[in-house]
Amino acid sequence: MRRTYLGEFEEIVLLMVAILDGEAYGVTVSQEIEQHTGRQVTFGTVHNTLIRLEEKGFVNSLLGGATAERGGRRKRLFKVTALGSRALQDIQQLRNELWQLLPPNTLKLGGS
């Protein structure tokens, strides 16, 4: 099977969808990314990334119930698929392996 690689922002969005566990939609993903990373993101950027992740099979979506706060419109909720879960596990494992290869004292700061 051909492996699909994720960009850094795709990885962050996918991880946030997993963290939000069925409650992820464009606005909540945007807010949570800003809160936890300090990175300013626009709704459009997150929305496009969610659609791209869905096209790649890493997430799926369904329409939630209509809410008064949204003027009767329904939210599109995203959830990580088995493929998305596997991708996150693979990324975590690869990063851990690479960090283990880092020689001691390589990243020491302070001019020493």
Protein backbone atom coordinates (compact mmCIF):
# COMPACT_ATOMS: atom_id res chain seq x y z
CA MET A 1 0.00 0.00 0.00
CA ARG A 2 1.28 3.46 -0.91
CA ARG A 3 1.99 5.67 2.08
CA THR A 4 0.51 9.16 2.17
CA TYR A 5 2.63 11.72 3.94
CA LEU A 6 1.26 14.55 6.04
CA GLY A 7 2.52 18.10 6.13
CA GLU A 8 3.21 19.69 9.50
CA PHE A 9 -0.07 21.63 9.60
CA GLU A 10 -2.05 18.58 8.42
CA GLU A 11 -0.50 16.63 11.29
CA ILE A 12 -1.50 19.29 13.82
CA VAL A 13 -5.06 19.45 12.49
CA LEU A 14 -5.39 15.64 12.44
CA LEU A 15 -4.04 15.40 15.99
CA MET A 16 -6.50 18.08 17.14
CA VAL A 17 -9.40 16.19 15.53
CA ALA A 18 -8.32 13.13 17.52
CA ILE A 19 -8.05 15.16 20.73
CA LEU A 20 -11.54 16.64 20.23
CA ASP A 21 -12.90 13.09 19.83
CA GLY A 22 -16.05 13.55 17.74
CA GLU A 23 -16.56 17.22 18.64
CA ALA A 24 -14.19 18.59 15.98
CA TYR A 25 -15.44 21.11 13.46
CA GLY A 26 -13.68 24.01 11.77
CA VAL A 27 -14.19 26.59 14.49
CA THR A 28 -13.26 24.35 17.44
CA VAL A 29 -10.19 23.01 15.65
CA SER A 30 -9.05 26.58 14.86
CA GLN A 31 -9.60 27.74 18.44
CA GLU A 32 -7.86 24.76 20.00
CA ILE A 33 -4.83 25.04 17.69
CA GLU A 34 -4.48 28.71 18.60
CA GLN A 35 -4.90 27.99 22.31
CA HIS A 36 -2.43 25.11 22.48
CA THR A 37 0.21 26.26 20.00
CA GLY A 38 -0.06 30.03 20.07
CA ARG A 39 -0.24 29.85 16.29
CA GLN A 40 -2.81 32.12 14.62
CA VAL A 41 -4.84 30.17 12.08
CA THR A 42 -7.78 31.16 9.94
CA PHE A 43 -10.98 29.18 9.71
CA GLY A 44 -10.49 28.86 5.94
CA THR A 45 -7.06 27.30 6.31
CA VAL A 46 -8.34 24.77 8.84
CA HIS A 47 -11.45 24.04 6.78
CA ASN A 48 -9.41 23.39 3.63
CA THR A 49 -7.06 21.15 5.59
CA LEU A 50 -9.97 19.16 7.04
CA ILE A 51 -11.39 18.65 3.53
CA ARG A 52 -7.96 17.56 2.25
CA LEU A 53 -7.58 15.11 5.15
CA GLU A 54 -11.02 13.72 4.36
CA GLU A 55 -10.08 13.28 0.69
CA LYS A 56 -6.96 11.37 1.79
CA GLY A 57 -9.07 9.13 4.05
CA PHE A 58 -7.60 10.29 7.38
CA VAL A 59 -10.88 11.74 8.68
CA ASN A 60 -14.54 11.40 7.87
CA SER A 61 -17.34 13.82 8.55
CA LEU A 62 -21.02 13.92 9.25
CA LEU A 63 -23.52 16.70 9.76
CA GLY A 64 -24.49 17.33 13.35
CA GLY A 65 -27.80 18.72 14.51
CA ALA A 66 -28.93 22.25 13.71
CA THR A 67 -28.29 24.80 16.45
CA ALA A 68 -29.88 28.16 17.21
CA GLU A 69 -26.44 29.72 17.72
CA ARG A 70 -25.64 28.90 14.09
CA GLY A 71 -28.94 30.21 12.76
CA GLY A 72 -30.32 26.71 12.31
CA ARG A 73 -27.32 25.53 10.29
CA ARG A 74 -25.72 22.19 11.00
CA LYS A 75 -22.07 21.66 11.97
CA ARG A 76 -19.87 19.35 9.93
CA LEU A 77 -18.18 17.20 12.59
CA PHE A 78 -14.93 15.39 11.84
CA LYS A 79 -13.61 12.15 13.31
CA VAL A 80 -10.29 10.37 12.75
CA THR A 81 -10.53 7.16 10.68
CA ALA A 82 -8.52 4.00 11.26
CA LEU A 83 -6.11 5.20 8.53
CA GLY A 84 -5.76 8.55 10.29
CA SER A 85 -5.14 6.87 13.62
CA ARG A 86 -2.47 4.66 12.06
CA ALA A 87 -0.83 7.71 10.45
CA LEU A 88 -0.64 9.50 13.81
CA GLN A 89 0.83 6.42 15.47
CA ASP A 90 3.43 6.07 12.68
CA ILE A 91 4.37 9.76 12.97
CA GLN A 92 4.75 9.51 16.74
CA GLN A 93 6.89 6.39 16.45
CA LEU A 94 9.12 7.94 13.77
CA ARG A 95 9.61 11.14 15.78
CA ASN A 96 10.45 9.16 18.92
CA GLU A 97 12.99 7.06 17.00
CA LEU A 98 14.61 10.16 15.53
CA TRP A 99 14.83 11.88 18.93
CA GLN A 100 16.55 8.77 20.29
CA LEU A 101 19.21 9.11 17.58
CA LEU A 102 20.07 12.66 18.65
CA PRO A 103 23.54 12.71 20.23
CA PRO A 104 23.63 13.95 23.83
CA ASN A 105 24.47 17.65 24.24
CA THR A 106 23.57 18.43 20.61
CA LEU A 107 20.81 20.85 21.55
CA LYS A 108 22.39 22.34 24.65
CA LEU A 109 21.84 26.06 24.84
CA GLY A 110 23.65 28.74 26.79
CA GLY A 111 26.85 29.19 24.79
CA SER A 112 28.68 26.19 26.27
